[in-house]
Amino acid sequence: MEPKNNLDKFKATWVSHSSIKDFLNCPKLYYYRNVYKDPITGHKITLMQPPLALGGLVHDVVESLSILPVEERFKVSPLKKFETMWASIGGKKGGFTSREEEDAYKERGRAMIQKIINNPGPLANKAVKIKEDLPWYWLSEEEQIILSGKIDWLEYIPEEDSVHIIDFKTSKREEAAESLQLPIYYLLVQNTQKRKVNGASYWYLERDDAPLTMDMPNLKESEEKILQLAKRIKLARQLNHFKCKEKNGCRYCMPMEQIAKGKGELVGLSNYKQDIYILNTNPPTRTQTAVNEDPETPY
């Protein structure tokens, strides 16, 4: 949506579910993922790991379906698309350390896509696409803060001329009850397209054959909470103050710090022009294990 009062979106503070999650996990992690730029390439940096690679690819396959008319979505098997697209994350590009590891993740991905084919559910219904590639709106014009994020799927409900939010989950973990993902998606959909929101679901593709309906958050309370967090992020950026809560670094920021110190291997460039790295050196066991168990989602 276009800003009012000639506000400059390029000077605004942009926040999203992933950037807020970064900040809450560790301000220093937020710095490395959202502020820091490689002094040579001028690009932001990201750490690639197998769960992230798999999740991103499955989401890309699903997104490729959403832009097609209903009758054409399964004319070309999504499994074929998955197999073709796998080359973009194969080997080091996906953070895989062995052929066995890559094959195991690939099989998990195939099973998720096959589940969609066998049980298309809402994917067999009309969908609404928000015009912008990255939906956003002014969360606060006064504070010059923008909320942004990508929505996996908006199912169109013709009886009510409304939309139903669906978020696809590729992780084995359930989204935490205190997660801000659903409130943020609700706010984005409410403010970036004209139809009312009639509900939201998470679809855990490894576990469930259909989406799981979630309780809708209070819109006003969500907006207030997210705005307060966004103000904290804005202030941290203004002061350039991003301090880890632990003296010697935590499980969230340490891998990114190693990359910034030149201990990572550059393996590619993301669609958002981030330099994609993997770690060749082994950080402390607790760090590597913790990060692998709690991978960041692509959206």
Protein backbone atom coordinates (compact mmCIF):
# COMPACT_ATOMS: atom_id res chain seq x y z
CA MET A 1 0.00 0.00 0.00
CA GLU A 2 1.24 3.52 -0.77
CA PRO A 3 2.21 5.61 2.24
CA LYS A 4 0.29 8.72 3.17
CA ASN A 5 1.71 12.19 3.70
CA ASN A 6 4.60 11.55 1.30
CA LEU A 7 6.49 9.45 3.82
CA ASP A 8 9.73 7.94 2.54
CA LYS A 9 9.67 4.15 2.85
CA PHE A 10 13.42 4.01 2.20
CA LYS A 11 14.11 5.94 5.41
CA ALA A 12 11.65 3.95 7.51
CA THR A 13 12.45 1.15 9.94
CA TRP A 14 11.22 -2.12 8.41
CA VAL A 15 10.24 -5.01 10.67
CA SER A 16 8.91 -8.49 9.95
CA HIS A 17 8.22 -11.71 11.81
CA SER A 18 11.74 -13.00 11.15
CA SER A 19 13.52 -9.77 12.09
CA ILE A 20 11.49 -9.38 15.30
CA LYS A 21 12.21 -13.00 16.17
CA ASP A 22 15.91 -12.36 15.57
CA PHE A 23 15.83 -9.36 17.92
CA LEU A 24 14.00 -11.23 20.65
CA ASN A 25 16.38 -14.19 20.41
CA CYS A 26 19.46 -11.96 20.52
CA PRO A 27 19.98 -8.30 19.50
CA LYS A 28 23.40 -9.23 18.15
CA LEU A 29 21.83 -11.89 15.93
CA TYR A 30 19.47 -9.19 14.65
CA TYR A 31 22.49 -7.01 13.87
CA TYR A 32 24.27 -9.69 11.85
CA ARG A 33 21.17 -10.73 9.93
CA ASN A 34 19.52 -7.36 9.38
CA VAL A 35 22.12 -4.58 9.63
CA TYR A 36 25.64 -5.90 9.01
CA LYS A 37 26.93 -5.90 5.44
CA ASP A 38 30.01 -7.63 4.15
CA PRO A 39 32.66 -4.92 3.64
CA ILE A 40 33.77 -6.46 0.32
CA THR A 41 30.47 -7.36 -1.39
CA GLY A 42 28.24 -4.83 0.37
CA HIS A 43 25.66 -7.59 0.86
CA LYS A 44 23.93 -8.80 3.99
CA ILE A 45 24.86 -12.30 5.13
CA THR A 46 22.94 -15.44 6.05
CA LEU A 47 23.87 -18.89 7.34
CA MET A 48 22.50 -21.81 5.34
CA GLN A 49 21.53 -25.04 7.08
CA PRO A 50 19.61 -28.08 5.77
CA PRO A 51 16.30 -27.31 7.57
CA LEU A 52 16.31 -23.80 6.11
CA ALA A 53 17.17 -25.04 2.63
CA LEU A 54 14.42 -27.67 2.71
CA GLY A 55 11.82 -25.27 4.09
CA GLY A 56 12.63 -22.63 1.51
CA LEU A 57 12.35 -25.05 -1.40
CA VAL A 58 9.04 -26.55 -0.25
CA HIS A 59 7.64 -23.04 0.15
CA ASP A 60 8.86 -22.13 -3.34
CA VAL A 61 7.03 -25.14 -4.81
CA VAL A 62 3.83 -24.18 -2.98
CA GLU A 63 4.15 -20.56 -4.11
CA SER A 64 4.51 -21.69 -7.71
CA LEU A 65 1.06 -23.31 -7.38
CA SER A 66 -0.63 -20.25 -5.92
CA ILE A 67 -0.09 -18.14 -9.03
CA LEU A 68 -1.78 -20.71 -11.31
CA PRO A 69 -5.50 -21.06 -12.01
CA VAL A 70 -7.09 -23.89 -10.02
CA GLU A 71 -7.49 -26.18 -13.04
CA GLU A 72 -3.78 -25.89 -13.94
CA ARG A 73 -2.13 -26.32 -10.53
CA PHE A 74 -1.57 -30.05 -10.76
CA LYS A 75 -1.22 -30.46 -14.53
CA VAL A 76 2.52 -30.55 -13.98
CA SER A 77 3.28 -32.63 -10.91
CA PRO A 78 4.60 -30.53 -8.01
CA LEU A 79 7.02 -33.41 -7.45
CA LYS A 80 8.57 -32.69 -10.85
CA LYS A 81 8.95 -29.06 -9.86
CA PHE A 82 10.52 -30.13 -6.57
CA GLU A 83 13.04 -32.41 -8.29
CA THR A 84 13.99 -29.72 -10.82
CA MET A 85 14.32 -27.01 -8.18
CA TRP A 86 16.39 -29.21 -5.84
CA ALA A 87 19.51 -28.42 -7.89
CA SER A 88 19.40 -24.88 -6.48
CA ILE A 89 20.06 -26.19 -2.94
CA GLY A 90 21.99 -29.39 -3.60
CA GLY A 91 25.33 -30.04 -1.90
CA LYS A 92 27.03 -27.18 -0.09
CA LYS A 93 24.43 -24.68 -1.33
CA GLY A 94 21.94 -26.28 1.07
CA GLY A 95 24.43 -26.68 3.89
CA PHE A 96 24.54 -30.47 3.46
CA THR A 97 27.65 -32.15 4.81
CA SER A 98 27.21 -35.51 3.08
CA ARG A 99 25.26 -37.27 0.35
CA GLU A 100 23.44 -39.27 3.03
CA GLU A 101 22.29 -36.13 4.81
CA GLU A 102 21.13 -34.53 1.57
CA ASP A 103 19.23 -37.66 0.52
CA ALA A 104 17.46 -37.81 3.88
CA TYR A 105 16.29 -34.20 3.62
CA LYS A 106 15.30 -34.65 0.00
CA GLU A 107 13.14 -37.63 0.92
CA ARG A 108 11.45 -35.57 3.63
CA GLY A 109 10.71 -32.90 1.02
CA ARG A 110 9.29 -35.43 -1.44
CA ALA A 111 6.98 -36.76 1.26
CA MET A 112 5.66 -33.25 2.03
CA ILE A 113 4.98 -32.50 -1.62
CA GLN A 114 3.31 -35.90 -2.09
CA LYS A 115 1.08 -35.11 0.87
CA ILE A 116 -0.10 -31.95 -0.90
CA ILE A 117 -0.78 -33.95 -4.07
CA ASN A 118 -2.74 -36.61 -2.18
CA ASN A 119 -4.60 -34.13 0.01
CA PRO A 120 -4.75 -30.77 -1.81
CA GLY A 121 -7.52 -29.43 0.43
CA PRO A 122 -7.48 -25.61 0.15
CA LEU A 123 -4.91 -25.80 -2.65
CA ALA A 124 -7.70 -27.04 -4.89
CA ASN A 125 -9.67 -23.83 -4.22
CA LYS A 126 -9.24 -20.32 -5.55
CA ALA A 127 -6.47 -18.26 -3.99
CA VAL A 128 -5.90 -14.52 -3.61
CA LYS A 129 -2.49 -13.05 -4.40
CA ILE A 130 -1.39 -9.78 -2.82
CA LYS A 131 0.05 -7.56 -5.56
CA GLU A 132 3.39 -6.78 -3.93
CA ASP A 133 6.10 -9.43 -3.94
CA LEU A 134 6.76 -8.38 -0.35
CA PRO A 135 3.52 -7.12 1.24
CA TRP A 136 3.98 -4.17 3.60
CA TYR A 137 2.15 -1.29 5.23
CA TRP A 138 2.86 1.61 7.58
CA LEU A 139 2.55 0.15 11.06
CA SER A 140 3.13 3.69 12.37
CA GLU A 141 3.46 6.76 10.20
CA GLU A 142 4.38 8.85 13.25
CA GLU A 143 7.25 6.50 14.15
CA GLN A 144 8.03 5.78 10.46
CA ILE A 145 7.85 2.03 10.96
CA ILE A 146 6.81 -0.43 8.26
CA LEU A 147 5.60 -3.99 8.86
CA SER A 148 6.33 -6.45 6.05
CA GLY A 149 6.24 -10.16 5.30
CA LYS A 150 5.30 -12.86 2.80
CA ILE A 151 2.10 -14.85 3.25
CA ASP A 152 2.23 -18.49 2.11
CA TRP A 153 -1.36 -18.86 0.94
CA LEU A 154 -4.62 -16.92 0.99
CA GLU A 155 -7.55 -19.22 0.30
CA TYR A 156 -10.50 -17.36 -1.21
CA ILE A 157 -13.89 -18.03 0.45
CA PRO A 158 -16.46 -17.03 -2.22
CA GLU A 159 -19.53 -17.37 0.06
CA GLU A 160 -18.21 -14.54 2.23
CA ASP A 161 -15.86 -12.83 -0.25
CA SER A 162 -13.18 -13.32 2.41
CA VAL A 163 -9.75 -14.92 2.76
CA HIS A 164 -8.31 -17.63 4.98
CA ILE A 165 -4.61 -17.41 5.90
CA ILE A 166 -2.62 -20.64 5.55
CA ASP A 167 1.00 -20.98 6.64
CA PHE A 168 2.91 -24.11 5.65
CA LYS A 169 5.22 -25.62 8.26
CA THR A 170 8.14 -27.84 7.27
CA SER A 171 9.69 -28.03 10.74
CA LYS A 172 8.91 -30.89 13.10
CA ARG A 173 8.35 -28.38 15.88
CA GLU A 174 5.02 -26.71 16.51
CA GLU A 175 4.90 -22.93 16.41
CA ALA A 176 5.16 -21.62 19.97
CA ALA A 177 1.99 -20.29 21.58
CA GLU A 178 3.68 -16.92 22.13
CA SER A 179 4.83 -16.66 18.51
CA LEU A 180 4.06 -13.38 16.78
CA GLN A 181 3.82 -14.98 13.35
CA LEU A 182 0.04 -15.29 13.20
CA PRO A 183 -0.62 -11.78 14.63
CA ILE A 184 1.82 -10.30 12.10
CA TYR A 185 0.29 -12.18 9.18
CA TYR A 186 -3.20 -11.17 10.31
CA LEU A 187 -2.17 -7.50 10.41
CA LEU A 188 -0.47 -7.73 7.01
CA VAL A 189 -3.43 -9.38 5.28
CA GLN A 190 -5.87 -6.98 6.93
CA ASN A 191 -3.88 -3.97 5.72
CA THR A 192 -2.61 -5.00 2.29
CA GLN A 193 -5.76 -6.26 0.56
CA LYS A 194 -9.46 -5.41 0.66
CA ARG A 195 -11.15 -8.65 1.76
CA LYS A 196 -11.83 -9.48 5.39
CA VAL A 197 -9.93 -12.29 7.09
CA ASN A 198 -12.18 -15.13 8.22
CA GLY A 199 -9.54 -17.33 9.85
CA ALA A 200 -6.03 -18.75 9.80
CA SER A 201 -4.40 -22.18 9.81
CA TYR A 202 -0.99 -23.81 10.12
CA TRP A 203 -0.36 -26.84 7.92
CA TYR A 204 2.33 -29.10 9.40
CA LEU A 205 3.26 -30.96 6.25
CA GLU A 206 5.25 -33.75 7.89
CA ARG A 207 2.50 -34.53 10.35
CA ASP A 208 -0.97 -33.57 9.14
CA ASP A 209 -3.04 -34.26 6.05
CA ALA A 210 -4.88 -30.95 6.38
CA PRO A 211 -4.36 -27.47 7.85
CA LEU A 212 -4.88 -26.98 11.58
CA THR A 213 -7.24 -24.09 12.37
CA MET A 214 -5.83 -21.60 14.86
CA ASP A 215 -7.50 -19.14 17.20
CA MET A 216 -7.37 -15.64 15.77
CA PRO A 217 -5.44 -13.05 17.80
CA ASN A 218 -6.88 -9.73 18.94
CA LEU A 219 -5.98 -7.30 16.17
CA LYS A 220 -5.65 -4.18 18.32
CA GLU A 221 -3.59 -5.89 21.04
CA SER A 222 -1.36 -7.47 18.40
CA GLU A 223 -0.71 -4.16 16.71
CA GLU A 224 0.20 -2.49 20.00
CA LYS A 225 2.57 -5.29 21.03
CA ILE A 226 4.31 -5.43 17.67
CA LEU A 227 4.64 -1.64 17.54
CA GLN A 228 6.33 -1.59 20.95
CA LEU A 229 8.85 -4.21 19.79
CA ALA A 230 9.39 -2.30 16.55
CA LYS A 231 10.14 0.86 18.55
CA ARG A 232 12.80 -1.06 20.51
CA ILE A 233 14.36 -2.21 17.24
CA LYS A 234 14.26 1.32 15.85
CA LEU A 235 15.99 2.68 18.95
CA ALA A 236 18.66 -0.04 18.82
CA ARG A 237 19.37 0.88 15.21
CA GLN A 238 19.54 4.59 16.02
CA LEU A 239 22.00 3.95 18.87
CA ASN A 240 23.79 1.15 17.01
CA HIS A 241 23.44 -0.87 20.19
CA PHE A 242 23.07 -4.61 19.66
CA LYS A 243 24.41 -6.41 22.71
CA CYS A 244 24.22 -10.15 23.27
CA LYS A 245 22.66 -11.16 26.57
CA GLU A 246 25.57 -13.52 27.27
CA LYS A 247 29.12 -12.34 27.93
CA ASN A 248 30.84 -14.60 25.40
CA GLY A 249 28.08 -14.81 22.83
CA CYS A 250 25.04 -17.06 22.66
CA ARG A 251 23.81 -19.95 20.53
CA TYR A 252 22.04 -17.51 18.21
CA CYS A 253 24.71 -14.93 17.42
CA MET A 254 27.93 -17.00 17.59
CA PRO A 255 27.58 -18.74 14.19
CA MET A 256 26.87 -15.41 12.47
CA GLU A 257 29.81 -13.79 14.24
CA GLN A 258 32.07 -16.55 12.93
CA ILE A 259 30.93 -15.79 9.39
CA ALA A 260 31.60 -12.07 9.90
CA LYS A 261 35.10 -13.00 11.09
CA GLY A 262 35.78 -14.83 7.83
CA LYS A 263 35.31 -18.39 9.08
CA GLY A 264 32.47 -19.26 6.71
CA GLU A 265 32.44 -20.44 3.10
CA LEU A 266 30.50 -18.38 0.56
CA VAL A 267 28.27 -20.73 -1.46
CA GLY A 268 25.76 -18.49 -3.21
CA LEU A 269 23.56 -15.41 -3.36
CA SER A 270 19.93 -15.41 -2.23
CA ASN A 271 16.97 -13.89 -4.08
CA TYR A 272 17.24 -11.01 -1.61
CA LYS A 273 20.93 -10.46 -2.51
CA GLN A 274 22.23 -11.91 0.73
CA ASP A 275 25.57 -13.70 0.67
CA ILE A 276 24.84 -17.32 1.63
CA TYR A 277 27.44 -18.96 3.85
CA ILE A 278 28.07 -22.33 5.43
CA LEU A 279 30.42 -22.93 8.34
CA ASN A 280 33.43 -25.13 7.64
CA THR A 281 34.81 -24.83 11.13
CA ASN A 282 32.92 -26.44 14.01
CA PRO A 283 31.60 -23.92 16.52
CA PRO A 284 31.04 -25.10 20.11
CA THR A 285 28.82 -28.19 20.17
CA ARG A 286 26.03 -26.55 22.12
CA THR A 287 25.90 -23.71 19.60
CA GLN A 288 25.74 -25.84 16.48
CA THR A 289 23.22 -28.25 18.00
CA ALA A 290 20.95 -25.49 19.23
CA VAL A 291 20.91 -23.69 15.91
CA ASN A 292 20.13 -26.88 14.00
CA GLU A 293 17.19 -27.59 16.30
CA ASP A 294 15.74 -24.12 15.88
CA PRO A 295 16.24 -23.16 12.23
CA GLU A 296 14.97 -19.82 11.01
CA THR A 297 12.06 -20.05 8.62
CA PRO A 298 12.39 -18.28 5.17
CA TYR A 299 9.37 -16.20 5.64
